[in-house]
Protein backbone atom coordinates (compact mmCIF):
# COMPACT_ATOMS: atom_id res chain seq x y z
CA MET A 1 -0.19 -0.27 0.12
CA ALA A 2 1.10 3.20 -1.01
CA ARG A 3 2.40 5.71 2.11
CA VAL A 4 3.05 9.73 1.55
CA ILE A 5 4.52 11.95 3.84
CA SER A 6 2.98 15.73 4.28
CA VAL A 7 5.57 18.45 5.52
CA PHE A 8 4.22 21.66 6.58
CA LEU A 9 5.86 24.58 6.86
CA PRO A 10 3.98 26.91 8.55
CA THR A 11 6.56 29.86 9.17
CA PHE A 12 9.16 28.95 6.27
CA ALA A 13 8.98 32.38 4.80
CA THR A 14 10.07 34.38 8.03
CA ASP A 15 12.12 31.13 8.72
CA ARG A 16 14.06 31.32 5.81
CA PHE A 17 14.46 35.33 6.28
CA ARG A 18 15.96 34.67 9.47
CA ARG A 19 18.33 32.05 7.76
CA ALA A 20 18.83 34.94 5.00
CA ALA A 21 19.49 37.64 7.67
CA GLY A 22 22.06 35.57 10.05
CA ASP A 23 23.20 37.71 12.94
CA THR A 24 21.04 40.80 11.81
CA ALA A 25 17.96 39.01 12.02
CA PRO A 26 15.80 40.15 14.60
CA PRO A 27 15.31 37.88 17.82
CA ARG A 28 12.59 35.29 18.10
CA LYS A 29 11.28 37.09 21.04
CA ILE A 30 10.23 40.06 19.14
CA PRO A 31 7.10 39.38 16.25
CA LEU A 32 7.93 39.14 12.63
CA VAL A 33 5.62 39.70 9.60
CA LEU A 34 6.57 39.57 6.07
CA ALA A 35 4.49 42.08 3.93
CA GLY A 36 2.92 42.34 0.12
CA ARG A 37 0.72 43.80 -1.56
CA VAL A 38 -2.93 43.13 -2.81
CA GLY A 39 -4.32 45.29 -4.90
CA ALA A 40 -3.40 48.84 -3.27
CA ARG A 41 -3.41 47.60 0.31
CA ARG A 42 -0.29 46.28 1.82
CA VAL A 43 -1.03 43.06 4.10
CA ILE A 44 0.53 40.58 6.08
CA VAL A 45 1.69 37.46 3.97
CA ALA A 46 3.41 35.40 6.74
CA ALA A 47 3.86 36.08 9.99
CA ASP A 48 6.43 33.90 12.71
CA MET A 49 5.41 32.13 15.32
CA MET A 50 5.71 34.86 18.03
CA ALA A 51 3.37 37.15 15.78
CA GLN A 52 0.66 34.73 15.28
CA HIS A 53 0.37 34.32 19.34
CA VAL A 54 0.01 37.84 19.76
CA GLY A 55 -2.76 37.75 17.18
CA LEU A 56 -1.57 38.77 13.85
CA ARG A 57 -2.75 37.05 10.86
CA ILE A 58 -2.25 36.46 7.26
CA GLY A 59 -4.23 38.91 5.30
CA MET A 60 -4.36 41.92 8.20
CA PRO A 61 -3.44 45.26 6.65
CA ILE A 62 0.05 46.09 7.97
CA SER A 63 -1.47 49.23 9.72
CA LYS A 64 -3.60 47.73 11.71
CA ALA A 65 -0.44 45.13 12.12
CA GLN A 66 1.92 47.96 13.49
CA ALA A 67 -0.85 49.26 15.52
CA LEU A 68 -1.55 46.21 17.49
CA VAL A 69 1.74 45.42 18.07
CA LYS A 70 4.37 48.25 18.81
CA GLU A 71 7.42 45.87 18.80
CA LEU A 72 6.31 44.56 15.36
CA VAL A 73 9.27 44.26 12.78
CA VAL A 74 7.90 44.00 9.39
CA GLU A 75 9.88 43.04 6.18
CA ASN A 76 9.15 42.81 2.32
CA ALA A 77 8.54 39.29 1.12
CA ILE A 78 10.62 38.05 -1.49
CA PRO A 79 7.97 35.50 -2.84
CA VAL A 80 10.71 33.93 -5.31
CA ALA A 81 13.55 33.43 -2.95
CA ASP A 82 11.14 31.58 -1.38
CA ALA A 83 10.10 28.99 -3.97
CA GLU A 84 13.75 29.06 -4.88
CA ALA A 85 14.61 27.77 -1.26
CA LEU A 86 11.43 25.16 -0.98
CA HIS A 87 12.72 23.85 -4.50
CA ARG A 88 16.44 23.24 -2.99
CA LEU A 89 14.69 21.63 0.59
CA GLY A 90 12.88 19.09 -1.64
CA LEU A 91 16.13 18.33 -3.28
CA TRP A 92 17.30 18.11 -0.27
CA ILE A 93 14.61 15.34 0.91
CA VAL A 94 14.99 13.40 -2.22
CA GLN A 95 18.70 13.22 -1.48
CA ARG A 96 18.70 12.13 2.01
CA PHE A 97 14.94 10.70 2.67
CA ALA A 98 13.16 8.94 -0.20
CA PRO A 99 13.41 8.55 -4.19
CA ILE A 100 10.22 10.54 -5.17
CA ALA A 101 9.27 14.15 -3.17
CA ALA A 102 7.57 17.21 -4.55
CA VAL A 103 6.90 20.38 -3.29
CA ASP A 104 3.36 21.55 -2.34
CA PRO A 105 3.79 25.02 -2.52
CA PRO A 106 3.46 27.47 -0.72
CA ASP A 107 4.75 25.91 2.70
CA GLY A 108 5.17 22.33 1.95
CA ILE A 109 6.87 19.18 0.79
CA VAL A 110 5.16 15.98 -0.40
CA ILE A 111 7.04 12.98 -0.43
CA ASP A 112 6.08 8.89 -1.48
CA SER A 113 7.84 7.13 1.57
CA THR A 114 6.10 3.83 0.41
CA GLY A 115 8.79 1.46 1.09
CA ALA A 116 11.81 4.23 2.05
CA ASP A 117 10.62 4.03 5.93
CA HIS A 118 12.22 0.71 6.73
CA LEU A 119 15.99 2.31 5.79
CA HIS A 120 15.12 5.11 8.66
CA GLY A 121 13.58 2.25 11.50
CA GLY A 122 10.14 3.08 10.83
CA GLU A 123 7.33 5.80 9.76
CA GLN A 124 7.83 6.83 13.18
CA ALA A 125 11.77 7.15 13.34
CA LEU A 126 11.47 8.07 9.67
CA ALA A 127 8.68 11.53 10.72
CA GLU A 128 11.17 12.03 13.88
CA LEU A 129 14.13 11.76 12.31
CA LEU A 130 12.38 14.89 9.71
CA VAL A 131 11.02 17.16 11.84
CA SER A 132 14.26 17.30 14.19
CA LYS A 133 17.25 17.92 11.06
CA LEU A 134 14.79 20.49 9.92
CA GLU A 135 14.58 22.16 13.47
CA THR A 136 18.35 22.11 13.18
CA VAL A 137 18.30 24.61 9.89
CA GLY A 138 15.73 26.73 11.95
CA LEU A 139 12.80 25.55 10.23
CA HIS A 140 9.39 24.55 12.09
CA ALA A 141 7.55 22.02 10.49
CA THR A 142 4.29 19.39 10.95
CA VAL A 143 4.83 16.04 9.42
CA ALA A 144 1.98 13.86 8.55
CA ILE A 145 1.80 10.01 7.07
CA ALA A 146 -0.80 8.43 5.70
CA ASP A 147 -2.01 6.55 2.54
CA THR A 148 -2.93 9.26 0.00
CA TRP A 149 -1.48 12.71 -0.75
CA GLY A 150 -4.48 14.47 0.51
CA ALA A 151 -5.30 12.89 3.95
CA ALA A 152 -1.03 13.58 4.49
CA HIS A 153 -1.60 17.09 3.65
CA ALA A 154 -5.26 17.69 5.66
CA LEU A 155 -3.68 15.72 8.48
CA ALA A 156 -0.36 17.78 8.64
CA ARG A 157 -1.96 21.12 8.41
CA PHE A 158 -5.19 21.05 10.42
CA SER A 159 -4.36 17.89 13.50
CA SER A 160 -3.80 19.25 16.57
CA ARG A 161 -0.06 16.84 16.65
CA ARG A 162 3.37 17.79 15.94
CA ILE A 163 3.53 14.01 13.55
CA PHE A 164 0.00 12.44 13.00
CA ILE A 165 0.94 8.57 11.36
CA SER A 166 -2.32 7.16 10.34
CA HIS A 167 -2.85 3.84 10.06
CA PRO A 168 -3.05 2.12 6.59
CA SER A 169 -6.48 2.30 5.59
CA CYS A 170 -8.02 5.01 8.25
CA ALA A 171 -6.72 7.53 5.79
CA GLU A 172 -11.22 8.51 5.61
CA ASP A 173 -11.69 8.14 9.10
CA ASP A 174 -9.01 10.33 10.41
CA ILE A 175 -10.03 13.11 8.21
CA GLN A 176 -13.55 12.86 9.38
CA ALA A 177 -13.59 16.24 11.69
CA LEU A 178 -11.08 17.80 10.27
CA PRO A 179 -12.64 21.48 9.08
CA ILE A 180 -13.53 21.56 5.06
CA ALA A 181 -10.83 23.67 4.55
CA ALA A 182 -8.28 20.68 5.16
CA LEU A 183 -9.66 19.58 1.54
CA ARG A 184 -6.73 21.76 -0.08
CA LEU A 185 -10.44 23.41 -2.23
CA PRO A 186 -11.00 26.89 -3.26
CA HIS A 187 -11.51 29.84 -0.69
CA THR A 188 -15.05 30.60 -2.56
CA ILE A 189 -16.16 26.59 -2.76
CA VAL A 190 -15.35 26.48 1.15
CA ASP A 191 -17.37 29.61 1.99
CA GLY A 192 -20.45 28.49 -0.07
CA LEU A 193 -19.56 25.31 1.74
CA HIS A 194 -19.74 27.00 5.08
CA LYS A 195 -22.69 29.01 3.73
CA LEU A 196 -24.78 26.06 3.47
CA GLY A 197 -24.02 24.83 7.06
CA PHE A 198 -21.17 22.25 6.11
CA GLU A 199 -18.12 22.53 8.85
CA HIS A 200 -16.52 19.17 8.79
CA VAL A 201 -14.79 16.92 5.97
CA GLY A 202 -17.18 14.22 7.32
CA GLU A 203 -20.23 16.16 6.62
CA LEU A 204 -19.57 15.72 3.15
CA PHE A 205 -19.18 12.62 2.50
CA SER A 206 -22.87 11.42 3.79
CA GLN A 207 -24.07 13.78 1.33
CA PRO A 208 -25.45 12.94 -2.21
CA ARG A 209 -22.95 14.23 -4.82
CA ALA A 210 -25.11 15.66 -7.72
CA PRO A 211 -26.34 18.27 -5.54
CA LEU A 212 -22.55 19.23 -4.63
CA ALA A 213 -21.46 18.92 -8.50
CA LEU A 214 -24.28 20.99 -9.37
CA ARG A 215 -23.45 24.33 -7.63
CA PHE A 216 -19.76 23.71 -6.81
CA GLY A 217 -18.95 21.78 -10.03
CA PRO A 218 -16.41 18.52 -10.04
CA GLU A 219 -13.76 19.64 -6.96
CA VAL A 220 -15.20 18.81 -4.22
CA ALA A 221 -15.29 15.28 -5.31
CA ARG A 222 -12.61 15.48 -6.59
CA ARG A 223 -10.54 16.37 -3.60
CA LEU A 224 -12.96 13.82 -1.39
CA ASP A 225 -11.79 10.84 -3.87
CA ALA A 226 -8.34 11.47 -3.69
CA ALA A 227 -8.05 12.14 0.24
CA CYS A 228 -9.47 8.55 0.46
CA GLY A 229 -7.54 6.87 -2.62
CA ARG A 230 -10.17 6.25 -4.92
CA LEU A 231 -8.70 8.92 -7.73
CA ALA A 232 -4.80 8.44 -8.04
CA GLU A 233 -2.93 11.31 -7.39
CA PRO A 234 0.86 11.14 -8.71
CA ILE A 235 3.81 12.67 -7.38
CA GLU A 236 6.02 14.24 -9.66
CA ALA A 237 9.42 14.03 -8.40
CA LEU A 238 12.14 16.21 -8.25
CA ARG A 239 15.32 15.99 -10.28
CA ALA A 240 18.49 17.98 -9.52
CA THR A 241 19.33 19.63 -13.32
CA ASP A 242 22.99 17.85 -13.12
CA ALA A 243 21.24 14.32 -12.37
CA ILE A 244 22.38 11.83 -14.36
CA GLU A 245 18.98 9.86 -15.48
CA VAL A 246 18.38 7.48 -17.92
CA SER A 247 14.91 6.28 -19.03
CA ARG A 248 12.51 3.43 -21.07
CA ALA A 249 9.37 3.78 -22.09
CA PHE A 250 7.65 0.78 -23.20
CA ALA A 251 4.93 -0.10 -26.29
CA GLU A 252 3.50 -2.44 -24.13
CA PRO A 253 3.19 -2.34 -20.54
CA ILE A 254 5.54 -4.67 -18.44
CA GLY A 255 5.03 -6.57 -15.30
CA ALA A 256 6.41 -9.57 -14.83
CA ALA A 257 9.47 -10.09 -12.60
CA GLU A 258 11.85 -11.55 -15.31
CA THR A 259 11.20 -8.69 -17.56
CA ILE A 260 11.51 -5.62 -15.48
CA THR A 261 15.28 -7.76 -14.21
CA ARG A 262 16.00 -7.70 -18.26
CA TYR A 263 15.02 -4.15 -18.52
CA ILE A 264 17.04 -2.88 -15.38
CA GLY A 265 20.10 -4.47 -16.53
CA LYS A 266 19.80 -2.41 -19.64
CA LEU A 267 19.50 0.81 -17.85
CA VAL A 268 22.06 0.25 -15.69
CA VAL A 269 24.65 -0.37 -18.77
CA LYS A 270 23.61 2.92 -20.28
CA LEU A 271 24.12 4.81 -16.45
CA CYS A 272 27.34 3.34 -16.34
CA ASP A 273 28.45 4.36 -19.75
CA ILE A 274 27.32 7.94 -18.59
CA MET A 275 29.24 8.05 -15.76
CA GLU A 276 32.96 6.53 -16.82
CA LYS A 277 32.60 9.43 -19.23
CA SER A 278 32.11 12.08 -16.36
CA GLY A 279 34.53 10.28 -14.17
CA VAL A 280 31.92 9.52 -11.51
CA GLY A 281 30.45 6.65 -9.36
CA ALA A 282 26.92 6.25 -7.90
CA ARG A 283 26.38 6.79 -4.05
CA LYS A 284 22.63 6.37 -4.09
CA LEU A 285 20.77 5.15 -7.02
CA ASP A 286 16.56 5.36 -7.55
CA LEU A 287 14.51 3.18 -10.02
CA ILE A 288 11.72 4.62 -10.21
CA CYS A 289 8.60 2.40 -12.49
CA HIS A 290 5.78 4.45 -13.61
CA ARG A 291 2.67 2.53 -14.21
CA VAL A 292 -0.56 3.42 -15.88
CA ASP A 293 -2.71 3.98 -13.52
CA GLY A 294 -0.39 7.33 -13.12
CA ASN A 295 1.02 6.02 -9.96
CA ALA A 296 4.91 5.38 -9.30
CA GLN A 297 6.65 2.69 -7.52
CA ALA A 298 10.07 3.89 -6.08
CA VAL A 299 13.75 2.00 -5.46
CA ARG A 300 16.40 3.19 -3.56
CA VAL A 301 19.87 1.54 -2.77
CA GLY A 302 22.89 2.95 -1.27
CA THR A 303 26.36 1.52 -1.56
CA ALA A 304 29.74 2.59 0.58
CA LEU A 305 32.09 3.67 -2.54
CA PRO A 306 31.38 5.55 -5.46
CA LEU A 307 30.46 2.39 -7.31
CA ARG A 308 30.18 1.99 -11.53
CA ASP A 309 29.92 -1.81 -11.41
CA THR A 310 27.54 -3.05 -14.17
CA LYS A 311 26.73 -6.45 -11.95
CA ARG A 312 27.18 -5.26 -8.64
CA MET A 313 24.48 -2.23 -9.03
CA THR A 314 21.89 -4.93 -11.41
CA LYS A 315 22.22 -7.41 -8.29
CA LEU A 316 21.38 -4.23 -5.68
CA LEU A 317 18.29 -3.02 -7.57
CA CYS A 318 17.07 -6.25 -8.63
CA ASP A 319 17.19 -7.76 -4.98
CA LYS A 320 14.36 -5.05 -4.38
CA ILE A 321 11.69 -6.18 -7.11
CA GLU A 322 9.54 -7.99 -5.07
CA THR A 323 8.94 -4.43 -3.52
CA ILE A 324 7.67 -3.60 -6.56
CA ASP A 325 3.95 -3.64 -7.02
CA PRO A 326 3.44 -3.38 -10.96
CA GLY A 327 -0.41 -2.79 -11.00
CA PHE A 328 -2.03 -3.23 -14.49
CA GLY A 329 1.67 -2.94 -16.02
CA ILE A 330 4.41 -0.85 -16.15
CA GLU A 331 4.91 1.88 -18.93
CA GLN A 332 8.10 3.62 -18.18
CA MET A 333 11.47 3.04 -16.08
CA SER A 334 13.72 5.55 -15.27
CA LEU A 335 17.02 5.31 -13.38
CA THR A 336 18.67 8.02 -11.60
CA ALA A 337 22.27 8.18 -10.01
CA SER A 338 20.60 10.68 -7.33
CA ALA A 339 24.12 10.70 -5.34
CA VAL A 340 27.35 10.61 -7.34
CA ASP A 341 30.98 10.86 -5.92
CA PRO A 342 34.67 10.99 -8.22
CA ASP A 343 35.61 7.02 -8.81
CA MET A 344 39.11 7.20 -7.45
CA PRO A 345 40.85 4.72 -9.36
CA ARG A 346 41.74 1.82 -6.99
CA GLN A 347 45.61 0.65 -7.37
CA MET A 348 46.30 -2.80 -7.50
CA ALA A 349 48.34 -4.29 -5.07
CA SER A 350 51.09 -6.77 -6.90
CA CYS A 351 51.12 -10.42 -5.43
CA LEU A 352 54.90 -10.63 -5.14
CA ILE A 353 55.14 -7.23 -2.98
CA GLU A 354 52.11 -7.43 -0.51
CA GLU A 355 48.62 -8.84 -0.05
CA SER A 356 46.11 -6.75 -1.21
CA GLU A 357 43.21 -5.69 1.16
CA PRO A 358 40.21 -7.36 0.66
CA ASP A 359 37.04 -5.55 -0.73
CA ILE A 360 34.05 -6.12 1.43
CA SER A 361 31.73 -3.10 -0.35
CA HIS A 362 29.92 -5.24 -1.63
CA LEU A 363 28.86 -7.56 1.14
CA VAL A 364 28.48 -3.67 2.76
CA ASP A 365 26.21 -2.42 0.04
CA LEU A 366 24.07 -5.97 0.36
CA LEU A 367 23.63 -5.41 3.81
CA SER A 368 22.79 -1.85 4.25
CA ASN A 369 20.46 -2.33 2.11
CA ARG A 370 18.79 -4.86 3.34
CA VAL A 371 18.48 -3.96 6.86
CA GLY A 372 18.88 -0.21 6.59
CA GLU A 373 21.83 2.06 6.39
CA GLN A 374 21.88 2.89 9.98
CA ASN A 375 21.56 -0.28 11.27
CA LEU A 376 25.33 -1.30 9.55
CA TYR A 377 27.83 0.71 11.49
CA ARG A 378 31.22 -0.11 13.27
CA ILE A 379 32.45 0.98 16.57
CA ALA A 380 35.29 3.69 16.87
CA PRO A 381 37.24 4.92 19.41
CA VAL A 382 36.44 8.37 20.95
CA ALA A 383 39.08 10.50 23.42
CA SER A 384 37.08 9.45 27.20
CA ASP A 385 37.59 7.67 29.82
CA VAL A 386 34.16 7.30 30.55
CA PRO A 387 33.39 3.84 28.89
CA GLU A 388 30.19 4.38 27.48
CA ARG A 389 31.62 7.87 25.98
CA SER A 390 34.80 5.94 24.64
CA VAL A 391 33.12 4.37 21.48
CA ARG A 392 30.87 5.81 18.32
CA ARG A 393 29.39 4.88 15.41
CA VAL A 394 31.02 5.29 12.10
CA ALA A 395 30.55 4.07 8.58
CA PRO A 396 31.88 0.64 7.93
CA LEU A 397 34.03 1.36 5.60
CA ALA A 398 35.39 4.90 7.35
CA PRO A 399 38.80 5.32 7.61
CA GLU A 400 41.04 4.32 10.36
CA GLU A 401 41.00 7.04 13.20
CA GLU A 402 44.71 7.80 15.23
CA ALA A 403 42.57 7.83 18.11
CA SER A 404 42.52 4.51 20.43
CA TRP A 405 40.89 2.73 23.61
CA PRO A 406 43.08 2.97 26.93
CA GLU A 407 45.83 -0.06 26.33
CA GLY A 408 46.84 -1.08 29.91
CA TRP A 409 43.10 -2.09 31.05
CA PRO A 410 41.16 -4.42 28.42
CA ARG A 411 37.80 -3.37 27.35
CA PRO A 412 34.80 -5.81 26.92
CA ALA A 413 33.70 -7.51 23.89
CA ARG A 414 30.17 -6.50 25.00
CA LEU A 415 29.01 -2.67 26.70
CA LEU A 416 25.83 -2.81 28.07
CA PRO A 417 23.34 0.27 27.44
CA ARG A 418 23.69 1.40 30.93
CA PRO A 419 25.27 0.08 33.63
CA GLU A 420 23.09 -2.26 35.49
CA PRO A 421 22.67 -2.21 39.36
CA ILE A 422 24.29 -5.86 41.45
CA GLU A 423 23.81 -6.96 44.68
CA THR A 424 27.39 -7.58 46.00
CA MET A 425 29.45 -8.62 49.24
CA ALA A 426 32.74 -6.58 49.43
CA LEU A 427 35.73 -5.33 51.66
CA LEU A 428 35.95 -1.13 51.13
CA PRO A 429 37.56 0.53 49.83
CA ASP A 430 39.56 -1.04 47.26
CA HIS A 431 38.62 -4.91 47.58
CA PRO A 432 36.53 -6.61 44.63
CA PRO A 433 33.51 -8.10 45.46
CA VAL A 434 33.06 -11.49 46.64
CA SER A 435 30.12 -12.58 45.49
CA PHE A 436 27.54 -10.83 43.32
CA THR A 437 23.76 -11.38 42.03
CA TRP A 438 23.04 -10.13 38.80
CA ARG A 439 19.14 -10.55 36.97
CA GLY A 440 18.41 -12.56 39.49
CA VAL A 441 21.51 -14.71 39.62
CA ARG A 442 23.62 -15.04 42.43
CA ARG A 443 27.89 -15.67 41.19
CA ARG A 444 30.91 -16.33 43.10
CA VAL A 445 33.65 -14.48 42.26
CA LYS A 446 36.62 -16.83 41.61
CA ARG A 447 39.21 -14.75 40.13
CA ALA A 448 39.61 -10.70 39.66
CA ASP A 449 41.90 -7.91 38.74
CA GLY A 450 41.51 -4.25 39.81
CA PRO A 451 40.67 -1.49 40.88
CA GLU A 452 40.82 0.65 37.79
CA ARG A 453 39.75 4.05 38.88
CA VAL A 454 37.74 6.42 36.17
CA PHE A 455 37.13 9.90 37.37
CA GLY A 456 34.19 12.15 35.75
CA GLU A 457 34.91 14.42 33.12
CA TRP A 458 34.35 17.46 35.08
CA TRP A 459 34.86 20.24 32.10
CA LYS A 460 30.95 18.13 30.57
CA ARG A 461 28.74 18.68 33.84
CA ASP A 462 29.53 20.12 37.38
CA PRO A 463 28.13 16.69 39.12
CA GLU A 464 31.61 15.11 37.85
CA LEU A 465 33.78 17.22 39.56
CA SER A 466 34.32 14.60 41.99
CA ALA A 467 32.97 11.73 40.24
CA VAL A 468 34.63 8.21 40.63
CA ARG A 469 34.28 4.93 39.55
CA ASP A 470 36.68 1.62 40.38
CA TYR A 471 36.09 -1.11 37.92
CA PHE A 472 37.28 -4.58 38.41
CA ARG A 473 37.32 -7.60 36.03
CA VAL A 474 35.94 -10.38 37.81
CA GLU A 475 35.52 -14.31 36.71
CA ASP A 476 33.01 -16.59 38.71
CA GLU A 477 32.81 -20.65 38.94
CA THR A 478 31.99 -20.90 35.52
CA GLY A 479 34.33 -19.26 33.76
CA GLU A 480 32.24 -16.44 32.93
CA ARG A 481 34.03 -12.88 33.26
CA TYR A 482 32.23 -9.61 34.00
CA TRP A 483 33.27 -5.76 34.04
CA VAL A 484 32.03 -4.66 37.45
CA PHE A 485 32.05 -0.80 38.81
CA ARG A 486 31.50 0.72 42.53
CA SER A 487 30.17 4.49 42.20
CA GLY A 488 32.77 5.97 44.48
CA ASP A 489 35.84 6.00 46.13
CA GLY A 490 35.27 3.91 48.76
CA GLU A 491 35.58 6.13 51.51
CA ASP A 492 34.27 10.01 50.65
CA PRO A 493 30.16 9.60 50.11
CA LEU A 494 30.09 12.90 47.92
CA THR A 495 32.24 10.63 45.52
CA GLY A 496 29.67 8.59 44.97
CA SER A 497 26.94 6.49 46.33
CA HIS A 498 28.84 2.94 47.07
CA CYS A 499 26.45 1.27 45.03
CA TRP A 500 27.60 -1.72 42.61
CA PHE A 501 27.39 -2.13 38.97
CA LEU A 502 27.61 -4.52 36.11
CA HIS A 503 28.91 -2.49 32.82
CA GLY A 504 29.98 -4.69 30.74
CA VAL A 505 30.92 -9.08 29.64
CA PHE A 506 34.05 -10.00 28.61
CA GLY A 507 33.29 -12.89 25.50
């Protein structure tokens, strides 16, 4: 089933103005509006959150707004710059999140997320990532995910939630209580429906279509059907002007997996020829299958290194064929290298001099496209004595770093996400536990080594000024080895609680 994300940016124009102004932008606690002309009148065309909070609304005359709010900052709107910025944002979303996305002017982005959510940890995680990423660049956003563009658009703008995820096949029920304006109808039709007593979308579903069409034309029925999925509303994917793309149209629609596989191979060959002339390799590949019913099926694969190998690219794409629903047939296929990097030729090592390092990039590509790029990583050291801060996740093929873990004291193969409390019997101040109970099982310590004293990082948090941990490596009667520590130095209560915790397990 298709899934669509609508990203609503209610203060996009003012957010863009603040980003462009930089240090000269007015403080966020001061209301900001952008002014434009409607006929001979100068009115508000965009207002930030603070301006909306004090009662200013789009369409209000500037003179009235200045009379209501004395400290109001008024700047001229630049619609062309806003449209260009929204287009650039759409291209960024295409590269980062899903292959099919389009601008939804004047203040939104629409994304076909079908099959792309699992690469980001699910729909909830994808929505939260979208909101957080936009927040980091100064853009306030609300996000809704539904079966259709119309439903997602309505929920993103008229729901009270920052993130709204409509369950599959529930779009019609979820938009019932929304106002009629959520259907993207012209203002004249919305005003006419209000005069007839209609306030909510659900009231229109129960009405006969003929009288509404006679009075308002076919637009009301078209918007209702589009929101419920009875009418297709294709999303025209954004593409950068310099994107490398090849396509193939078919005289007769295709649908068999074998046929799709064959044409994927042909498109890959054409794409690789173009990339070879440009001296680049693909980092992301987007295959879009345009169906005869107007909908599109998209497949995205990523690569760890710039790739221009036809067999490997074909293999990666064909592994995703099972996710393509051809419907009544595919009439066109396009393949785009949506992200490319210079393809650096690799020096072949001579077997008489040295052994070449094994190339595992193909394995990394296969795994990352099956389980999600964020789920495949390598652990790298961080310069920190506090164990939970001494590691970070990096890409599987990221270059090695100079930093390393402490050599004098070994670290466990498995570090728990957070230390777990244990019950112990130990002689203070610097003796290891004689026995401990972890997860309901009592273990007698047969051998122990330590303590290794770790101090808190006082430059990060004041409470760590006097914090101390004493770590021990202990081995129980069965030969299992654990990494335990006591919070505190065993004497001064200001250094810690003197409680014991298990932090890791040795292999």
